[in-house]
Amino acid sequence: MTKRRIHLLALGGTIATQPGEHGMKHGLDGDDLVRMVPGLDAVADVQARTVARTGSSNLTLDAVYALAAHIEAMVQQGACDGVVVTQGTDTLEETAFLLDLLLDVDIPVVMTAAMRNPALASADGPGNVLAAVRVAATPWATARRVGVLVAMLDHAHAALEVAKTQTSRLDAFHSPSAGPVATLAETRVVPLMQPVRDWKAVVSAIVGASPASRFAGAAPVALLWLGLGEHGALLDALLDGPRHLGYGGVVVGAMGGGHVPEPMVARLTMLAAQLPVVVASRTGGGPLLRHTYEGSGSEIALRAAGLIYAGRLPPLKARLLLDLLLRAGADRAAIAAAFDSTG
């Protein structure tokens, strides 16, 4: 049986570090990562390319757009049967979701990383690369069109669902609302569920085909995280600053099912009349409320005031979707429809 051709794209991160003078530093390339995995050649024909050697906190949105365009080009050329992307864990959930927004390809794209560096006795990088290649090589991932996946600690997670929930534990990645879509046992990839992807069709209809190669950088999206007693004075800078300080939209990490402190309501209402303002829940899981609570800081009042609710997207991922929609020139109605499609 012919082995599937998997292309590994290495971006850096803990998985690609090596000892330096005072701590771990970036240095390993894609070929190094392939050599670290015993028996990988029995699973697939893996070819590696080093895209970057950096921590994932240094990645930019435009860099991910370029990565998506590169993956699309490889698919159009028939260069591979699946793609594995390695990077740092700090922004893994964001990169995975952004790639899922941008890509519409008929091959699996699986991301992975490492929580423990190669100098530690319990380094998880090789095992995670092996798992990612197994998932990318399985017919299930191709036939079901499951979107971009994240393979960590012998589980595969949907990009929309996955989140990093710990700073340094091996079991840092979970899908709080849905659980993993597949697990790995022995040499098998065992599917557990089929991701719900109705939202993807809605977003694609708004932004069109191949958005990664068509949209240049746009005005950035501000992310404001709310806490107990926040009065919202920072919003004055966005309201009064030249061109809203350069921001094209705002995502608010709100409380519970989509609530904000009452002292913020007037400023948010004024801002929503000028920019798209999206409300997402800081809880990290579950759909936002629509018509349960009244009061000026409630979801009923804020929706009526023109704020857009993010469905079940957490703030980090709501920011990425809003950025894409702004790059595509979507109007307020289209932006609201895209977010509403997620739940």
Protein backbone atom coordinates (compact mmCIF):
# COMPACT_ATOMS: atom_id res chain seq x y z
CA MET A 1 0.00 0.00 0.00
CA THR A 2 1.35 3.43 -0.96
CA LYS A 3 2.13 5.61 2.02
CA ARG A 4 0.44 8.98 2.19
CA ARG A 5 2.57 12.05 1.55
CA ILE A 6 2.53 14.35 4.57
CA HIS A 7 4.21 17.75 4.46
CA LEU A 8 5.41 19.06 7.83
CA LEU A 9 5.67 22.84 8.16
CA ALA A 10 7.73 23.91 11.19
CA LEU A 11 7.21 27.36 12.73
CA GLY A 12 9.30 26.99 15.90
CA GLY A 13 8.06 26.85 19.47
CA THR A 14 9.03 24.68 22.45
CA ILE A 15 8.96 21.60 20.26
CA ALA A 16 11.86 23.02 18.24
CA THR A 17 14.05 24.39 21.04
CA GLN A 18 17.50 23.32 22.17
CA PRO A 19 19.69 24.21 25.18
CA GLY A 20 21.25 27.66 25.10
CA GLU A 21 23.48 29.56 27.51
CA HIS A 22 20.79 30.44 30.05
CA GLY A 23 17.77 28.40 28.94
CA MET A 24 16.13 26.85 25.93
CA LYS A 25 16.46 28.66 22.61
CA HIS A 26 14.98 28.15 19.17
CA GLY A 27 17.12 26.25 16.72
CA LEU A 28 15.71 22.90 15.58
CA ASP A 29 14.27 22.74 12.08
CA GLY A 30 11.61 20.62 10.45
CA ASP A 31 14.02 17.85 9.49
CA ASP A 32 15.18 17.66 13.11
CA LEU A 33 11.60 17.16 14.25
CA VAL A 34 11.12 14.31 11.77
CA ARG A 35 14.34 12.63 12.91
CA MET A 36 13.18 12.80 16.55
CA VAL A 37 10.26 10.39 15.90
CA PRO A 38 11.18 6.69 15.76
CA GLY A 39 9.17 4.75 13.18
CA LEU A 40 7.63 7.81 11.55
CA ASP A 41 8.63 6.60 8.09
CA ALA A 42 6.43 3.53 8.58
CA VAL A 43 3.37 5.76 9.01
CA ALA A 44 3.78 8.14 6.08
CA ASP A 45 6.24 9.68 3.65
CA VAL A 46 7.00 12.87 5.57
CA GLN A 47 8.75 15.84 3.99
CA ALA A 48 9.64 18.82 6.17
CA ARG A 49 10.03 22.54 5.55
CA THR A 50 11.14 25.11 8.12
CA VAL A 51 8.96 28.21 7.85
CA ALA A 52 10.17 29.99 10.99
CA ARG A 53 12.13 29.51 14.20
CA THR A 54 10.26 31.61 16.73
CA GLY A 55 8.02 31.46 19.74
CA SER A 56 4.34 31.46 18.83
CA SER A 57 3.83 34.68 20.79
CA ASN A 58 5.80 36.37 17.99
CA LEU A 59 3.63 35.09 15.14
CA THR A 60 1.47 37.66 13.34
CA LEU A 61 -1.90 37.37 11.65
CA ASP A 62 -0.31 38.18 8.30
CA ALA A 63 2.19 35.34 8.83
CA VAL A 64 -0.69 32.91 9.34
CA TYR A 65 -2.42 34.27 6.24
CA ALA A 66 0.79 33.61 4.29
CA LEU A 67 0.97 30.09 5.74
CA ALA A 68 -2.60 29.41 4.65
CA ALA A 69 -1.83 30.65 1.14
CA HIS A 70 1.21 28.34 1.02
CA ILE A 71 -0.92 25.35 2.05
CA GLU A 72 -3.50 26.21 -0.60
CA ALA A 73 -0.76 26.38 -3.23
CA MET A 74 0.58 22.95 -2.22
CA VAL A 75 -2.90 21.47 -2.49
CA GLN A 76 -3.47 23.00 -5.92
CA GLN A 77 -0.16 21.50 -7.07
CA GLY A 78 -1.08 18.08 -5.67
CA ALA A 79 2.16 18.14 -3.67
CA CYS A 80 0.89 16.25 -0.62
CA ASP A 81 -1.95 14.25 0.89
CA GLY A 82 -1.94 16.01 4.25
CA VAL A 83 -0.22 18.80 6.19
CA VAL A 84 1.14 18.90 9.73
CA VAL A 85 2.04 22.29 11.23
CA THR A 86 4.23 22.56 14.32
CA GLN A 87 4.48 25.70 16.44
CA GLY A 88 4.53 26.91 20.04
CA THR A 89 1.58 26.29 22.33
CA ASP A 90 1.06 29.93 23.41
CA THR A 91 -1.09 30.78 20.39
CA LEU A 92 -1.79 27.31 18.99
CA GLU A 93 -5.56 27.54 19.44
CA GLU A 94 -5.58 30.88 17.61
CA THR A 95 -3.46 29.76 14.67
CA ALA A 96 -5.54 26.60 14.30
CA PHE A 97 -8.82 28.52 14.22
CA LEU A 98 -7.50 31.17 11.82
CA LEU A 99 -6.26 28.47 9.45
CA ASP A 100 -9.68 26.81 9.73
CA LEU A 101 -11.32 30.11 8.77
CA LEU A 102 -9.01 30.62 5.80
CA LEU A 103 -8.65 27.13 4.33
CA ASP A 104 -11.12 25.15 2.25
CA VAL A 105 -8.98 22.22 1.13
CA ASP A 106 -9.70 18.54 0.62
CA ILE A 107 -6.71 17.26 2.58
CA PRO A 108 -6.25 17.07 6.37
CA VAL A 109 -4.42 19.90 8.12
CA VAL A 110 -3.29 18.97 11.63
CA MET A 111 -1.43 21.19 14.08
CA THR A 112 0.69 20.06 16.99
CA ALA A 113 3.26 21.33 19.47
CA ALA A 114 4.98 20.38 22.72
CA MET A 115 4.44 21.35 26.33
CA ARG A 116 7.87 20.06 27.42
CA ASN A 117 11.08 20.85 25.62
CA PRO A 118 13.41 18.23 24.06
CA ALA A 119 15.92 18.49 26.93
CA LEU A 120 13.44 17.05 29.43
CA ALA A 121 13.07 13.33 30.12
CA SER A 122 9.33 13.50 29.49
CA ALA A 123 9.38 15.61 26.31
CA ASP A 124 6.11 15.18 24.44
CA GLY A 125 7.13 16.63 21.08
CA PRO A 126 8.00 13.38 19.27
CA GLY A 127 4.82 11.66 20.42
CA ASN A 128 2.70 14.62 19.37
CA VAL A 129 4.32 14.75 15.92
CA LEU A 130 3.67 11.02 15.51
CA ALA A 131 0.04 11.50 16.53
CA ALA A 132 -0.41 14.45 14.17
CA VAL A 133 1.05 12.51 11.23
CA ARG A 134 -1.19 9.53 12.04
CA VAL A 135 -4.25 11.77 12.06
CA ALA A 136 -3.22 13.53 8.84
CA ALA A 137 -2.65 10.14 7.16
CA THR A 138 -5.93 8.54 8.20
CA PRO A 139 -8.72 8.29 5.61
CA TRP A 140 -11.23 9.50 8.23
CA ALA A 141 -9.69 12.98 8.35
CA THR A 142 -9.90 13.28 4.56
CA ALA A 143 -13.30 11.72 3.93
CA ARG A 144 -15.15 13.60 6.65
CA ARG A 145 -13.82 17.12 5.92
CA VAL A 146 -13.38 17.80 9.63
CA GLY A 147 -11.47 21.04 9.17
CA VAL A 148 -8.20 21.94 10.86
CA LEU A 149 -7.41 19.73 13.85
CA VAL A 150 -5.04 19.99 16.81
CA ALA A 151 -3.34 16.75 17.92
CA MET A 152 -1.99 16.83 21.47
CA LEU A 153 -1.47 14.03 24.00
CA ASP A 154 -3.14 11.38 21.82
CA HIS A 155 -6.31 13.37 21.25
CA ALA A 156 -7.44 15.29 18.17
CA HIS A 157 -9.47 18.46 18.72
CA ALA A 158 -11.51 20.62 16.34
CA ALA A 159 -9.96 24.05 15.84
CA LEU A 160 -13.11 25.90 16.88
CA GLU A 161 -13.33 24.00 20.17
CA VAL A 162 -9.75 23.60 21.37
CA ALA A 163 -8.23 25.76 24.11
CA LYS A 164 -5.02 25.83 26.12
CA THR A 165 -6.17 25.60 29.74
CA GLN A 166 -2.87 25.17 31.62
CA THR A 167 0.48 26.93 31.44
CA SER A 168 2.83 23.95 31.55
CA ARG A 169 1.06 20.62 32.18
CA LEU A 170 1.19 17.91 29.53
CA ASP A 171 -2.62 17.83 29.44
CA ALA A 172 -2.92 21.54 28.71
CA PHE A 173 -5.22 21.25 25.68
CA HIS A 174 -8.92 20.49 25.92
CA SER A 175 -12.17 21.16 24.09
CA PRO A 176 -14.25 22.45 27.02
CA SER A 177 -17.65 22.38 25.32
CA ALA A 178 -17.44 19.35 23.05
CA GLY A 179 -14.49 17.13 23.91
CA PRO A 180 -12.01 15.69 21.38
CA VAL A 181 -13.14 14.54 17.94
CA ALA A 182 -10.80 11.52 17.90
CA THR A 183 -8.38 9.62 20.11
CA LEU A 184 -5.32 7.54 19.29
CA ALA A 185 -4.84 3.98 20.51
CA GLU A 186 -1.96 1.73 19.44
CA THR A 187 -1.55 2.57 15.74
CA ARG A 188 -5.20 3.57 15.26
CA VAL A 189 -7.02 6.87 15.01
CA VAL A 190 -10.43 6.28 16.61
CA PRO A 191 -13.10 8.85 15.67
CA LEU A 192 -15.34 9.96 18.54
CA MET A 193 -17.57 12.59 16.96
CA GLN A 194 -18.18 14.63 13.82
CA PRO A 195 -17.55 18.38 14.24
CA VAL A 196 -20.51 20.65 13.51
CA ARG A 197 -19.34 22.94 10.72
CA ASP A 198 -22.44 24.80 9.53
CA TRP A 199 -20.73 28.03 10.58
CA LYS A 200 -17.94 27.44 8.05
CA ALA A 201 -20.35 27.54 5.11
CA VAL A 202 -21.80 30.85 6.34
CA VAL A 203 -18.38 32.46 6.76
CA SER A 204 -17.16 31.18 3.39
CA ALA A 205 -20.24 32.61 1.66
CA ILE A 206 -19.39 36.03 3.11
CA VAL A 207 -15.63 36.14 2.52
CA GLY A 208 -15.48 34.06 -0.68
CA ALA A 209 -12.90 31.54 -1.82
CA SER A 210 -9.19 31.65 -0.94
CA PRO A 211 -9.33 34.60 1.49
CA ALA A 212 -5.73 33.98 2.56
CA SER A 213 -4.37 35.04 -0.81
CA ARG A 214 -6.83 37.91 -1.45
CA PHE A 215 -6.89 40.04 1.67
CA ALA A 216 -4.04 42.28 2.75
CA GLY A 217 -3.64 43.48 6.32
CA ALA A 218 -6.53 45.42 7.81
CA ALA A 219 -6.93 47.70 10.79
CA PRO A 220 -6.39 45.51 13.89
CA VAL A 221 -9.13 44.42 16.26
CA ALA A 222 -8.87 45.50 19.90
CA LEU A 223 -9.50 42.94 22.63
CA LEU A 224 -10.85 44.25 25.94
CA TRP A 225 -11.20 41.80 28.85
CA LEU A 226 -13.69 42.81 31.54
CA GLY A 227 -13.39 42.25 35.28
CA LEU A 228 -15.26 43.03 38.46
CA GLY A 229 -15.79 46.78 38.89
CA GLU A 230 -14.50 47.78 35.44
CA HIS A 231 -15.85 51.24 34.53
CA GLY A 232 -14.69 51.39 30.91
CA ALA A 233 -12.58 54.55 30.86
CA LEU A 234 -10.26 52.87 28.35
CA LEU A 235 -13.11 53.12 25.87
CA ASP A 236 -12.75 56.91 25.96
CA ALA A 237 -9.40 56.53 24.22
CA LEU A 238 -11.02 54.51 21.44
CA LEU A 239 -13.88 57.00 21.15
CA ASP A 240 -11.74 60.13 21.19
CA GLY A 241 -8.47 58.99 19.63
CA PRO A 242 -7.58 59.67 15.99
CA ARG A 243 -9.15 56.93 13.83
CA HIS A 244 -10.02 54.99 16.98
CA LEU A 245 -6.30 54.53 17.69
CA GLY A 246 -6.03 52.59 14.44
CA TYR A 247 -8.45 49.83 15.44
CA GLY A 248 -11.10 48.65 13.00
CA GLY A 249 -13.24 46.79 15.52
CA VAL A 250 -13.47 45.72 19.15
CA VAL A 251 -14.07 42.41 20.90
CA VAL A 252 -15.24 42.61 24.51
CA GLY A 253 -14.48 39.66 26.79
CA ALA A 254 -17.71 40.00 28.73
CA MET A 255 -19.03 38.28 31.83
CA GLY A 256 -21.16 35.14 31.92
CA GLY A 257 -23.66 34.85 29.07
CA GLY A 258 -22.74 38.25 27.65
CA HIS A 259 -23.02 40.91 30.35
CA VAL A 260 -21.05 44.09 31.11
CA PRO A 261 -21.00 46.47 34.09
CA GLU A 262 -23.59 49.21 33.74
CA PRO A 263 -21.02 52.07 33.83
CA MET A 264 -19.66 50.77 30.49
CA VAL A 265 -22.94 50.67 28.61
CA ALA A 266 -23.09 54.27 27.37
CA ARG A 267 -19.52 54.16 26.03
CA LEU A 268 -20.03 50.78 24.38
CA THR A 269 -23.24 51.99 22.77
CA MET A 270 -21.49 55.03 21.33
CA LEU A 271 -18.59 52.92 20.10
CA ALA A 272 -20.92 50.36 18.49
CA ALA A 273 -22.40 53.18 16.41
CA GLN A 274 -18.94 53.82 14.95
CA LEU A 275 -17.21 50.40 14.86
CA PRO A 276 -18.23 46.75 14.99
CA VAL A 277 -18.25 45.82 18.69
CA VAL A 278 -18.47 42.09 19.35
CA VAL A 279 -19.37 40.62 22.74
CA ALA A 280 -17.83 37.23 23.62
CA SER A 281 -17.84 35.39 26.94
CA ARG A 282 -14.70 35.37 29.04
CA THR A 283 -15.81 31.98 30.45
CA GLY A 284 -14.39 30.22 27.40
CA GLY A 285 -17.30 27.87 26.74
CA GLY A 286 -20.97 27.79 25.86
CA PRO A 287 -23.24 29.90 23.64
CA LEU A 288 -24.15 33.42 24.67
CA LEU A 289 -27.62 34.30 25.92
CA ARG A 290 -30.17 36.04 23.70
CA HIS A 291 -33.27 37.00 25.67
CA THR A 292 -33.04 36.00 29.34
CA TYR A 293 -31.97 39.09 31.33
CA GLU A 294 -33.13 42.69 31.18
CA GLY A 295 -31.24 45.72 32.46
CA SER A 296 -28.82 48.09 30.77
CA GLY A 297 -25.81 45.75 30.95
CA SER A 298 -27.74 42.65 29.92
CA GLU A 299 -27.76 40.76 26.64
CA ILE A 300 -31.24 42.02 25.74
CA ALA A 301 -30.27 45.68 26.07
CA LEU A 302 -26.83 45.34 24.51
CA ARG A 303 -28.14 43.50 21.47
CA ALA A 304 -30.78 46.19 21.02
CA ALA A 305 -28.06 48.85 21.30
CA GLY A 306 -26.25 47.41 18.28
CA LEU A 307 -23.57 45.24 19.85
CA ILE A 308 -22.89 41.99 17.99
CA TYR A 309 -22.87 38.75 19.96
CA ALA A 310 -20.22 36.12 19.22
CA GLY A 311 -22.29 32.94 19.48
CA ARG A 312 -20.08 30.39 21.20
CA LEU A 313 -16.72 31.80 20.13
CA PRO A 314 -14.43 32.82 23.00
CA PRO A 315 -12.83 36.27 22.81
CA LEU A 316 -9.53 35.09 21.25
CA LYS A 317 -11.31 33.39 18.37
CA ALA A 318 -13.99 36.07 17.99
CA ARG A 319 -11.18 38.54 17.38
CA LEU A 320 -9.81 36.41 14.52
CA LEU A 321 -13.19 36.06 12.83
CA LEU A 322 -13.89 39.78 13.12
CA ASP A 323 -10.46 40.54 11.64
CA LEU A 324 -11.19 38.31 8.64
CA LEU A 325 -14.63 39.83 8.10
CA LEU A 326 -13.20 43.35 8.22
CA ARG A 327 -10.52 42.40 5.70
CA ALA A 328 -13.29 41.09 3.45
CA GLY A 329 -15.23 44.35 3.73
CA ALA A 330 -18.27 42.71 5.34
CA ASP A 331 -21.02 45.03 6.53
CA ARG A 332 -22.59 44.92 9.98
CA ALA A 333 -25.39 42.56 8.95
CA ALA A 334 -22.94 40.08 7.45
CA ILE A 335 -20.70 40.27 10.51
CA ALA A 336 -23.66 39.58 12.79
CA ALA A 337 -24.77 36.64 10.60
CA ALA A 338 -21.29 35.10 10.66
CA PHE A 339 -21.09 35.20 14.44
CA ASP A 340 -24.68 34.07 14.89
CA SER A 341 -23.92 30.95 12.82
CA THR A 342 -21.53 29.68 15.51
CA GLY A 343 -24.28 29.31 18.08
